[in-house]
Amino acid sequence: HVHRLHPYKGKFIPQLVEYFLDSHVDGSKTETYFKKGDIILDPF
C-alpha cells in the first residue's frame, strides 16, 4: 500500500518492521516489546 508512494532507497520492508512490532512470538522472537497504545521514537 502506501509504502510504494516514493522509491526511497533506504526503506525497510514493511513485513520486517511489523515482525518486530507485533505481538507474536516464535523461535527467533521470544518476547514482545510493544503493545497497542505504546509510543515508539524513530529518530531517522
ModelCIF file with pLDDT and N, C-alpha, C, O atoms, coordinates in Angstrom:
data_MODEL
#
_entry.id   MODEL 
#
_entity.id                         1 
_entity.type                       polymer 
_entity.pdbx_number_of_molecules   1 
#
_entity_poly.entity_id                      1 
_entity_poly.type                           'polypeptide(L)' 
_entity_poly.nstd_linkage                   no 
_entity_poly.nstd_monomer                   no 
_entity_poly.pdbx_seq_one_letter_code       HVHRLHPYKGKFIPQLVEYFLDSHVDGSKTETYFKKGDIILDPF 
_entity_poly.pdbx_seq_one_letter_code_can   HVHRLHPYKGKFIPQLVEYFLDSHVDGSKTETYFKKGDIILDPF 
_entity_poly.pdbx_strand_id                 A 
#
loop_
_entity_poly_seq.entity_id 
_entity_poly_seq.num 
_entity_poly_seq.mon_id 
_entity_poly_seq.hetero 
1 1  HIS n 
1 2  VAL n 
1 3  HIS n 
1 4  ARG n 
1 5  LEU n 
1 6  HIS n 
1 7  PRO n 
1 8  TYR n 
1 9  LYS n 
1 10 GLY n 
1 11 LYS n 
1 12 PHE n 
1 13 ILE n 
1 14 PRO n 
1 15 GLN n 
1 16 LEU n 
1 17 VAL n 
1 18 GLU n 
1 19 TYR n 
1 20 PHE n 
1 21 LEU n 
1 22 ASP n 
1 23 SER n 
1 24 HIS n 
1 25 VAL n 
1 26 ASP n 
1 27 GLY n 
1 28 SER n 
1 29 LYS n 
1 30 THR n 
1 31 GLU n 
1 32 THR n 
1 33 TYR n 
1 34 PHE n 
1 35 LYS n 
1 36 LYS n 
1 37 GLY n 
1 38 ASP n 
1 39 ILE n 
1 40 ILE n 
1 41 LEU n 
1 42 ASP n 
1 43 PRO n 
1 44 PHE n 
#
_struct_asym.id          A 
_struct_asym.entity_id   1 
#
loop_
_ma_qa_metric.id 
_ma_qa_metric.mode 
_ma_qa_metric.name 
_ma_qa_metric.software_group_id 
_ma_qa_metric.type 
1 global pLDDT . pLDDT 
2 local  pLDDT . pLDDT 
#
_ma_qa_metric_global.metric_id      1 
_ma_qa_metric_global.metric_value   83.48 
_ma_qa_metric_global.model_id       1 
_ma_qa_metric_global.ordinal_id     1 
#
loop_
_ma_qa_metric_local.label_asym_id 
_ma_qa_metric_local.label_comp_id 
_ma_qa_metric_local.label_seq_id 
_ma_qa_metric_local.metric_id 
_ma_qa_metric_local.metric_value 
_ma_qa_metric_local.model_id 
_ma_qa_metric_local.ordinal_id 
A HIS 1  2 62.00 1 1  
A VAL 2  2 63.00 1 2  
A HIS 3  2 62.00 1 3  
A ARG 4  2 60.00 1 4  
A LEU 5  2 61.00 1 5  
A HIS 6  2 63.00 1 6  
A PRO 7  2 63.00 1 7  
A TYR 8  2 65.00 1 8  
A LYS 9  2 68.00 1 9  
A GLY 10 2 71.00 1 10 
A LYS 11 2 70.00 1 11 
A PHE 12 2 77.00 1 12 
A ILE 13 2 80.00 1 13 
A PRO 14 2 85.00 1 14 
A GLN 15 2 86.00 1 15 
A LEU 16 2 87.00 1 16 
A VAL 17 2 89.00 1 17 
A GLU 18 2 89.00 1 18 
A TYR 19 2 89.00 1 19 
A PHE 20 2 91.00 1 20 
A LEU 21 2 93.00 1 21 
A ASP 22 2 92.00 1 22 
A SER 23 2 91.00 1 23 
A HIS 24 2 89.00 1 24 
A VAL 25 2 89.00 1 25 
A ASP 26 2 84.00 1 26 
A GLY 27 2 80.00 1 27 
A SER 28 2 82.00 1 28 
A LYS 29 2 86.00 1 29 
A THR 30 2 90.00 1 30 
A GLU 31 2 92.00 1 31 
A THR 32 2 92.00 1 32 
A TYR 33 2 92.00 1 33 
A PHE 34 2 94.00 1 34 
A LYS 35 2 93.00 1 35 
A LYS 36 2 94.00 1 36 
A GLY 37 2 95.00 1 37 
A ASP 38 2 96.00 1 38 
A ILE 39 2 96.00 1 39 
A ILE 40 2 95.00 1 40 
A LEU 41 2 96.00 1 41 
A ASP 42 2 94.00 1 42 
A PRO 43 2 95.00 1 43 
A PHE 44 2 92.00 1 44 
#
loop_
_atom_site.group_PDB 
_atom_site.id 
_atom_site.type_symbol 
_atom_site.label_atom_id 
_atom_site.label_alt_id 
_atom_site.label_comp_id 
_atom_site.label_asym_id 
_atom_site.label_entity_id 
_atom_site.label_seq_id 
_atom_site.pdbx_PDB_ins_code 
_atom_site.Cartn_x 
_atom_site.Cartn_y 
_atom_site.Cartn_z 
_atom_site.occupancy 
_atom_site.B_iso_or_equiv 
_atom_site.pdbx_formal_charge 
_atom_site.auth_seq_id 
_atom_site.auth_comp_id 
_atom_site.auth_asym_id 
_atom_site.auth_atom_id 
_atom_site.pdbx_PDB_model_num 
ATOM 1   N N  . HIS A 1 1  ? 0.795  -1.231  0.000  1.00 62.00 ? 1  HIS A N  1 
ATOM 2   C CA . HIS A 1 1  ? 0.000  0.000   0.000  1.00 62.00 ? 1  HIS A CA 1 
ATOM 3   C C  . HIS A 1 1  ? 0.829  1.283   0.000  1.00 62.00 ? 1  HIS A C  1 
ATOM 4   O O  . HIS A 1 1  ? 1.557  1.517   -0.965 1.00 62.00 ? 1  HIS A O  1 
ATOM 5   N N  . VAL A 1 2  ? 0.757  2.118   1.021  1.00 63.00 ? 2  VAL A N  1 
ATOM 6   C CA . VAL A 1 2  ? 1.374  3.448   0.966  1.00 63.00 ? 2  VAL A CA 1 
ATOM 7   C C  . VAL A 1 2  ? 2.896  3.429   0.894  1.00 63.00 ? 2  VAL A C  1 
ATOM 8   O O  . VAL A 1 2  ? 3.507  4.458   0.604  1.00 63.00 ? 2  VAL A O  1 
ATOM 9   N N  . HIS A 1 3  ? 3.508  2.309   1.144  1.00 62.00 ? 3  HIS A N  1 
ATOM 10  C CA . HIS A 1 3  ? 4.970  2.239   1.091  1.00 62.00 ? 3  HIS A CA 1 
ATOM 11  C C  . HIS A 1 3  ? 5.501  2.364   -0.337 1.00 62.00 ? 3  HIS A C  1 
ATOM 12  O O  . HIS A 1 3  ? 6.706  2.513   -0.538 1.00 62.00 ? 3  HIS A O  1 
ATOM 13  N N  . ARG A 1 4  ? 4.617  2.306   -1.319 1.00 60.00 ? 4  ARG A N  1 
ATOM 14  C CA . ARG A 1 4  ? 5.035  2.389   -2.717 1.00 60.00 ? 4  ARG A CA 1 
ATOM 15  C C  . ARG A 1 4  ? 4.936  3.805   -3.280 1.00 60.00 ? 4  ARG A C  1 
ATOM 16  O O  . ARG A 1 4  ? 5.165  4.002   -4.474 1.00 60.00 ? 4  ARG A O  1 
ATOM 17  N N  . LEU A 1 5  ? 4.604  4.781   -2.463 1.00 61.00 ? 5  LEU A N  1 
ATOM 18  C CA . LEU A 1 5  ? 4.396  6.142   -2.964 1.00 61.00 ? 5  LEU A CA 1 
ATOM 19  C C  . LEU A 1 5  ? 5.647  6.772   -3.560 1.00 61.00 ? 5  LEU A C  1 
ATOM 20  O O  . LEU A 1 5  ? 5.564  7.531   -4.526 1.00 61.00 ? 5  LEU A O  1 
ATOM 21  N N  . HIS A 1 6  ? 6.782  6.464   -2.998 1.00 63.00 ? 6  HIS A N  1 
ATOM 22  C CA . HIS A 1 6  ? 8.026  7.090   -3.445 1.00 63.00 ? 6  HIS A CA 1 
ATOM 23  C C  . HIS A 1 6  ? 9.151  6.063   -3.357 1.00 63.00 ? 6  HIS A C  1 
ATOM 24  O O  . HIS A 1 6  ? 9.219  5.319   -2.378 1.00 63.00 ? 6  HIS A O  1 
ATOM 25  N N  . PRO A 1 7  ? 10.029 6.003   -4.345 1.00 63.00 ? 7  PRO A N  1 
ATOM 26  C CA . PRO A 1 7  ? 11.096 4.988   -4.341 1.00 63.00 ? 7  PRO A CA 1 
ATOM 27  C C  . PRO A 1 7  ? 12.274 5.361   -3.447 1.00 63.00 ? 7  PRO A C  1 
ATOM 28  O O  . PRO A 1 7  ? 13.409 5.434   -3.919 1.00 63.00 ? 7  PRO A O  1 
ATOM 29  N N  . TYR A 1 8  ? 12.020 5.594   -2.176 1.00 65.00 ? 8  TYR A N  1 
ATOM 30  C CA . TYR A 1 8  ? 13.072 5.931   -1.214 1.00 65.00 ? 8  TYR A CA 1 
ATOM 31  C C  . TYR A 1 8  ? 13.988 4.721   -1.045 1.00 65.00 ? 8  TYR A C  1 
ATOM 32  O O  . TYR A 1 8  ? 13.519 3.634   -0.708 1.00 65.00 ? 8  TYR A O  1 
ATOM 33  N N  . LYS A 1 9  ? 15.273 4.897   -1.273 1.00 68.00 ? 9  LYS A N  1 
ATOM 34  C CA . LYS A 1 9  ? 16.199 3.757   -1.333 1.00 68.00 ? 9  LYS A CA 1 
ATOM 35  C C  . LYS A 1 9  ? 16.539 3.138   0.015  1.00 68.00 ? 9  LYS A C  1 
ATOM 36  O O  . LYS A 1 9  ? 17.006 2.000   0.064  1.00 68.00 ? 9  LYS A O  1 
ATOM 37  N N  . GLY A 1 10 ? 16.317 3.862   1.113  1.00 71.00 ? 10 GLY A N  1 
ATOM 38  C CA . GLY A 1 10 ? 16.712 3.338   2.418  1.00 71.00 ? 10 GLY A CA 1 
ATOM 39  C C  . GLY A 1 10 ? 15.590 2.716   3.204  1.00 71.00 ? 10 GLY A C  1 
ATOM 40  O O  . GLY A 1 10 ? 15.727 2.524   4.412  1.00 71.00 ? 10 GLY A O  1 
ATOM 41  N N  . LYS A 1 11 ? 14.473 2.390   2.559  1.00 70.00 ? 11 LYS A N  1 
ATOM 42  C CA . LYS A 1 11 ? 13.341 1.920   3.350  1.00 70.00 ? 11 LYS A CA 1 
ATOM 43  C C  . LYS A 1 11 ? 13.437 0.438   3.690  1.00 70.00 ? 11 LYS A C  1 
ATOM 44  O O  . LYS A 1 11 ? 14.035 -0.362  2.970  1.00 70.00 ? 11 LYS A O  1 
ATOM 45  N N  . PHE A 1 12 ? 12.817 0.113   4.824  1.00 77.00 ? 12 PHE A N  1 
ATOM 46  C CA . PHE A 1 12 ? 12.709 -1.264  5.272  1.00 77.00 ? 12 PHE A CA 1 
ATOM 47  C C  . PHE A 1 12 ? 11.535 -1.933  4.573  1.00 77.00 ? 12 PHE A C  1 
ATOM 48  O O  . PHE A 1 12 ? 10.617 -1.260  4.105  1.00 77.00 ? 12 PHE A O  1 
ATOM 49  N N  . ILE A 1 13 ? 11.567 -3.234  4.505  1.00 80.00 ? 13 ILE A N  1 
ATOM 50  C CA . ILE A 1 13 ? 10.422 -4.000  4.049  1.00 80.00 ? 13 ILE A CA 1 
ATOM 51  C C  . ILE A 1 13 ? 9.389  -3.915  5.174  1.00 80.00 ? 13 ILE A C  1 
ATOM 52  O O  . ILE A 1 13 ? 9.721  -4.222  6.318  1.00 80.00 ? 13 ILE A O  1 
ATOM 53  N N  . PRO A 1 14 ? 8.157  -3.511  4.892  1.00 85.00 ? 14 PRO A N  1 
ATOM 54  C CA . PRO A 1 14 ? 7.156  -3.344  5.950  1.00 85.00 ? 14 PRO A CA 1 
ATOM 55  C C  . PRO A 1 14 ? 6.956  -4.593  6.808  1.00 85.00 ? 14 PRO A C  1 
ATOM 56  O O  . PRO A 1 14 ? 6.722  -4.484  8.012  1.00 85.00 ? 14 PRO A O  1 
ATOM 57  N N  . GLN A 1 15 ? 7.046  -5.769  6.204  1.00 86.00 ? 15 GLN A N  1 
ATOM 58  C CA . GLN A 1 15 ? 6.856  -7.005  6.964  1.00 86.00 ? 15 GLN A CA 1 
ATOM 59  C C  . GLN A 1 15 ? 7.923  -7.168  8.043  1.00 86.00 ? 15 GLN A C  1 
ATOM 60  O O  . GLN A 1 15 ? 7.649  -7.738  9.099  1.00 86.00 ? 15 GLN A O  1 
ATOM 61  N N  . LEU A 1 16 ? 9.134  -6.674  7.791  1.00 87.00 ? 16 LEU A N  1 
ATOM 62  C CA . LEU A 1 16 ? 10.205 -6.772  8.784  1.00 87.00 ? 16 LEU A CA 1 
ATOM 63  C C  . LEU A 1 16 ? 9.884  -5.905  9.991  1.00 87.00 ? 16 LEU A C  1 
ATOM 64  O O  . LEU A 1 16 ? 10.042 -6.343  11.131 1.00 87.00 ? 16 LEU A O  1 
ATOM 65  N N  . VAL A 1 17 ? 9.434  -4.678  9.749  1.00 89.00 ? 17 VAL A N  1 
ATOM 66  C CA . VAL A 1 17 ? 9.051  -3.781  10.840 1.00 89.00 ? 17 VAL A CA 1 
ATOM 67  C C  . VAL A 1 17 ? 7.874  -4.380  11.610 1.00 89.00 ? 17 VAL A C  1 
ATOM 68  O O  . VAL A 1 17 ? 7.872  -4.393  12.841 1.00 89.00 ? 17 VAL A O  1 
ATOM 69  N N  . GLU A 1 18 ? 6.879  -4.874  10.880 1.00 89.00 ? 18 GLU A N  1 
ATOM 70  C CA . GLU A 1 18 ? 5.708  -5.483  11.503 1.00 89.00 ? 18 GLU A CA 1 
ATOM 71  C C  . GLU A 1 18 ? 6.127  -6.664  12.383 1.00 89.00 ? 18 GLU A C  1 
ATOM 72  O O  . GLU A 1 18 ? 5.605  -6.834  13.484 1.00 89.00 ? 18 GLU A O  1 
ATOM 73  N N  . TYR A 1 19 ? 7.066  -7.478  11.898 1.00 89.00 ? 19 TYR A N  1 
ATOM 74  C CA . TYR A 1 19 ? 7.547  -8.640  12.650 1.00 89.00 ? 19 TYR A CA 1 
ATOM 75  C C  . TYR A 1 19 ? 8.048  -8.224  14.032 1.00 89.00 ? 19 TYR A C  1 
ATOM 76  O O  . TYR A 1 19 ? 7.746  -8.883  15.027 1.00 89.00 ? 19 TYR A O  1 
ATOM 77  N N  . PHE A 1 20 ? 8.813  -7.133  14.096 1.00 91.00 ? 20 PHE A N  1 
ATOM 78  C CA . PHE A 1 20 ? 9.381  -6.723  15.368 1.00 91.00 ? 20 PHE A CA 1 
ATOM 79  C C  . PHE A 1 20 ? 8.405  -5.945  16.244 1.00 91.00 ? 20 PHE A C  1 
ATOM 80  O O  . PHE A 1 20 ? 8.566  -5.911  17.464 1.00 91.00 ? 20 PHE A O  1 
ATOM 81  N N  . LEU A 1 21 ? 7.406  -5.327  15.649 1.00 93.00 ? 21 LEU A N  1 
ATOM 82  C CA . LEU A 1 21 ? 6.449  -4.539  16.428 1.00 93.00 ? 21 LEU A CA 1 
ATOM 83  C C  . LEU A 1 21 ? 5.247  -5.342  16.918 1.00 93.00 ? 21 LEU A C  1 
ATOM 84  O O  . LEU A 1 21 ? 4.716  -5.050  17.989 1.00 93.00 ? 21 LEU A O  1 
ATOM 85  N N  . ASP A 1 22 ? 4.807  -6.340  16.163 1.00 92.00 ? 22 ASP A N  1 
ATOM 86  C CA . ASP A 1 22 ? 3.564  -7.020  16.530 1.00 92.00 ? 22 ASP A CA 1 
ATOM 87  C C  . ASP A 1 22 ? 3.746  -7.894  17.768 1.00 92.00 ? 22 ASP A C  1 
ATOM 88  O O  . ASP A 1 22 ? 4.847  -8.012  18.305 1.00 92.00 ? 22 ASP A O  1 
ATOM 89  N N  . SER A 1 23 ? 2.649  -8.501  18.208 1.00 91.00 ? 23 SER A N  1 
ATOM 90  C CA . SER A 1 23 ? 2.651  -9.203  19.495 1.00 91.00 ? 23 SER A CA 1 
ATOM 91  C C  . SER A 1 23 ? 2.918  -10.702 19.403 1.00 91.00 ? 23 SER A C  1 
ATOM 92  O O  . SER A 1 23 ? 2.762  -11.409 20.398 1.00 91.00 ? 23 SER A O  1 
ATOM 93  N N  . HIS A 1 24 ? 3.316  -11.204 18.233 1.00 89.00 ? 24 HIS A N  1 
ATOM 94  C CA . HIS A 1 24 ? 3.566  -12.646 18.130 1.00 89.00 ? 24 HIS A CA 1 
ATOM 95  C C  . HIS A 1 24 ? 4.962  -12.990 18.667 1.00 89.00 ? 24 HIS A C  1 
ATOM 96  O O  . HIS A 1 24 ? 5.838  -12.129 18.734 1.00 89.00 ? 24 HIS A O  1 
ATOM 97  N N  . VAL A 1 25 ? 5.154  -14.237 19.041 1.00 89.00 ? 25 VAL A N  1 
ATOM 98  C CA . VAL A 1 25 ? 6.474  -14.764 19.381 1.00 89.00 ? 25 VAL A CA 1 
ATOM 99  C C  . VAL A 1 25 ? 6.695  -16.019 18.551 1.00 89.00 ? 25 VAL A C  1 
ATOM 100 O O  . VAL A 1 25 ? 5.740  -16.688 18.158 1.00 89.00 ? 25 VAL A O  1 
ATOM 101 N N  . ASP A 1 26 ? 7.965  -16.337 18.284 1.00 84.00 ? 26 ASP A N  1 
ATOM 102 C CA . ASP A 1 26 ? 8.307  -17.546 17.541 1.00 84.00 ? 26 ASP A CA 1 
ATOM 103 C C  . ASP A 1 26 ? 9.695  -17.990 17.987 1.00 84.00 ? 26 ASP A C  1 
ATOM 104 O O  . ASP A 1 26 ? 10.188 -17.536 19.019 1.00 84.00 ? 26 ASP A O  1 
ATOM 105 N N  . GLY A 1 27 ? 10.325 -18.870 17.222 1.00 80.00 ? 27 GLY A N  1 
ATOM 106 C CA . GLY A 1 27 ? 11.636 -19.379 17.601 1.00 80.00 ? 27 GLY A CA 1 
ATOM 107 C C  . GLY A 1 27 ? 12.716 -18.315 17.656 1.00 80.00 ? 27 GLY A C  1 
ATOM 108 O O  . GLY A 1 27 ? 13.683 -18.468 18.403 1.00 80.00 ? 27 GLY A O  1 
ATOM 109 N N  . SER A 1 28 ? 12.584 -17.242 16.887 1.00 82.00 ? 28 SER A N  1 
ATOM 110 C CA . SER A 1 28 ? 13.587 -16.176 16.876 1.00 82.00 ? 28 SER A CA 1 
ATOM 111 C C  . SER A 1 28 ? 13.193 -14.990 17.751 1.00 82.00 ? 28 SER A C  1 
ATOM 112 O O  . SER A 1 28 ? 14.053 -14.343 18.349 1.00 82.00 ? 28 SER A O  1 
ATOM 113 N N  . LYS A 1 29 ? 11.927 -14.712 17.825 1.00 86.00 ? 29 LYS A N  1 
ATOM 114 C CA . LYS A 1 29 ? 11.412 -13.588 18.620 1.00 86.00 ? 29 LYS A CA 1 
ATOM 115 C C  . LYS A 1 29 ? 10.700 -14.191 19.828 1.00 86.00 ? 29 LYS A C  1 
ATOM 116 O O  . LYS A 1 29 ? 9.545  -14.609 19.738 1.00 86.00 ? 29 LYS A O  1 
ATOM 117 N N  . THR A 1 30 ? 11.397 -14.231 20.947 1.00 90.00 ? 30 THR A N  1 
ATOM 118 C CA . THR A 1 30 ? 10.880 -14.935 22.117 1.00 90.00 ? 30 THR A CA 1 
ATOM 119 C C  . THR A 1 30 ? 10.087 -14.058 23.070 1.00 90.00 ? 30 THR A C  1 
ATOM 120 O O  . THR A 1 30 ? 9.441  -14.572 23.983 1.00 90.00 ? 30 THR A O  1 
ATOM 121 N N  . GLU A 1 31 ? 10.123 -12.750 22.877 1.00 92.00 ? 31 GLU A N  1 
ATOM 122 C CA . GLU A 1 31 ? 9.307  -11.863 23.687 1.00 92.00 ? 31 GLU A CA 1 
ATOM 123 C C  . GLU A 1 31 ? 8.910  -10.635 22.872 1.00 92.00 ? 31 GLU A C  1 
ATOM 124 O O  . GLU A 1 31 ? 9.515  -10.332 21.844 1.00 92.00 ? 31 GLU A O  1 
ATOM 125 N N  . THR A 1 32 ? 7.890  -9.941  23.348 1.00 92.00 ? 32 THR A N  1 
ATOM 126 C CA . THR A 1 32 ? 7.420  -8.752  22.647 1.00 92.00 ? 32 THR A CA 1 
ATOM 127 C C  . THR A 1 32 ? 7.773  -7.519  23.473 1.00 92.00 ? 32 THR A C  1 
ATOM 128 O O  . THR A 1 32 ? 7.929  -7.590  24.692 1.00 92.00 ? 32 THR A O  1 
ATOM 129 N N  . TYR A 1 33 ? 7.891  -6.399  22.786 1.00 92.00 ? 33 TYR A N  1 
ATOM 130 C CA . TYR A 1 33 ? 8.305  -5.169  23.462 1.00 92.00 ? 33 TYR A CA 1 
ATOM 131 C C  . TYR A 1 33 ? 7.281  -4.050  23.325 1.00 92.00 ? 33 TYR A C  1 
ATOM 132 O O  . TYR A 1 33 ? 7.355  -3.053  24.044 1.00 92.00 ? 33 TYR A O  1 
ATOM 133 N N  . PHE A 1 34 ? 6.327  -4.201  22.414 1.00 94.00 ? 34 PHE A N  1 
ATOM 134 C CA . PHE A 1 34 ? 5.370  -3.134  22.156 1.00 94.00 ? 34 PHE A CA 1 
ATOM 135 C C  . PHE A 1 34 ? 3.953  -3.670  22.234 1.00 94.00 ? 34 PHE A C  1 
ATOM 136 O O  . PHE A 1 34 ? 3.679  -4.823  21.904 1.00 94.00 ? 34 PHE A O  1 
ATOM 137 N N  . LYS A 1 35 ? 3.058  -2.793  22.682 1.00 93.00 ? 35 LYS A N  1 
ATOM 138 C CA . LYS A 1 35 ? 1.638  -3.141  22.697 1.00 93.00 ? 35 LYS A CA 1 
ATOM 139 C C  . LYS A 1 35 ? 0.845  -1.922  22.257 1.00 93.00 ? 35 LYS A C  1 
ATOM 140 O O  . LYS A 1 35 ? 1.356  -0.802  22.236 1.00 93.00 ? 35 LYS A O  1 
ATOM 141 N N  . LYS A 1 36 ? -0.386 -2.157  21.915 1.00 94.00 ? 36 LYS A N  1 
ATOM 142 C CA . LYS A 1 36 ? -1.280 -1.090  21.472 1.00 94.00 ? 36 LYS A CA 1 
ATOM 143 C C  . LYS A 1 36 ? -1.236 0.061   22.485 1.00 94.00 ? 36 LYS A C  1 
ATOM 144 O O  . LYS A 1 36 ? -1.322 -0.157  23.694 1.00 94.00 ? 36 LYS A O  1 
ATOM 145 N N  . GLY A 1 37 ? -1.103 1.278   21.972 1.00 95.00 ? 37 GLY A N  1 
ATOM 146 C CA . GLY A 1 37 ? -1.062 2.467   22.835 1.00 95.00 ? 37 GLY A CA 1 
ATOM 147 C C  . GLY A 1 37 ? 0.332  2.912   23.227 1.00 95.00 ? 37 GLY A C  1 
ATOM 148 O O  . GLY A 1 37 ? 0.506  4.040   23.690 1.00 95.00 ? 37 GLY A O  1 
ATOM 149 N N  . ASP A 1 38 ? 1.341  2.050   23.052 1.00 96.00 ? 38 ASP A N  1 
ATOM 150 C CA . ASP A 1 38 ? 2.721  2.452   23.348 1.00 96.00 ? 38 ASP A CA 1 
ATOM 151 C C  . ASP A 1 38 ? 3.183  3.537   22.385 1.00 96.00 ? 38 ASP A C  1 
ATOM 152 O O  . ASP A 1 38 ? 2.511  3.830   21.396 1.00 96.00 ? 38 ASP A O  1 
ATOM 153 N N  . ILE A 1 39 ? 4.330  4.126   22.680 1.00 96.00 ? 39 ILE A N  1 
ATOM 154 C CA . ILE A 1 39 ? 4.920  5.150   21.814 1.00 96.00 ? 39 ILE A CA 1 
ATOM 155 C C  . ILE A 1 39 ? 6.313  4.686   21.395 1.00 96.00 ? 39 ILE A C  1 
ATOM 156 O O  . ILE A 1 39 ? 7.117  4.258   22.223 1.00 96.00 ? 39 ILE A O  1 
ATOM 157 N N  . ILE A 1 40 ? 6.578  4.780   20.111 1.00 95.00 ? 40 ILE A N  1 
ATOM 158 C CA . ILE A 1 40 ? 7.895  4.448   19.557 1.00 95.00 ? 40 ILE A CA 1 
ATOM 159 C C  . ILE A 1 40 ? 8.535  5.745   19.081 1.00 95.00 ? 40 ILE A C  1 
ATOM 160 O O  . ILE A 1 40 ? 7.865  6.587   18.483 1.00 95.00 ? 40 ILE A O  1 
ATOM 161 N N  . LEU A 1 41 ? 9.814  5.907   19.340 1.00 96.00 ? 41 LEU A N  1 
ATOM 162 C CA . LEU A 1 41 ? 10.571 7.036   18.799 1.00 96.00 ? 41 LEU A CA 1 
ATOM 163 C C  . LEU A 1 41 ? 11.441 6.509   17.664 1.00 96.00 ? 41 LEU A C  1 
ATOM 164 O O  . LEU A 1 41 ? 12.265 5.618   17.867 1.00 96.00 ? 41 LEU A O  1 
ATOM 165 N N  . ASP A 1 42 ? 11.255 7.062   16.475 1.00 94.00 ? 42 ASP A N  1 
ATOM 166 C CA . ASP A 1 42 ? 12.090 6.709   15.322 1.00 94.00 ? 42 ASP A CA 1 
ATOM 167 C C  . ASP A 1 42 ? 12.914 7.945   14.987 1.00 94.00 ? 42 ASP A C  1 
ATOM 168 O O  . ASP A 1 42 ? 12.405 8.867   14.349 1.00 94.00 ? 42 ASP A O  1 
ATOM 169 N N  . PRO A 1 43 ? 14.180 7.983   15.407 1.00 95.00 ? 43 PRO A N  1 
ATOM 170 C CA . PRO A 1 43 ? 14.999 9.186   15.213 1.00 95.00 ? 43 PRO A CA 1 
ATOM 171 C C  . PRO A 1 43 ? 15.460 9.405   13.767 1.00 95.00 ? 43 PRO A C  1 
ATOM 172 O O  . PRO A 1 43 ? 16.013 10.457  13.446 1.00 95.00 ? 43 PRO A O  1 
ATOM 173 N N  . PHE A 1 44 ? 15.236 8.430   12.912 1.00 92.00 ? 44 PHE A N  1 
ATOM 174 C CA . PHE A 1 44 ? 15.584 8.548   11.490 1.00 92.00 ? 44 PHE A CA 1 
ATOM 175 C C  . PHE A 1 44 ? 14.390 8.023   10.697 1.00 92.00 ? 44 PHE A C  1 
ATOM 176 O O  . PHE A 1 44 ? 14.423 8.012   9.467  1.00 92.00 ? 44 PHE A O  1 
#
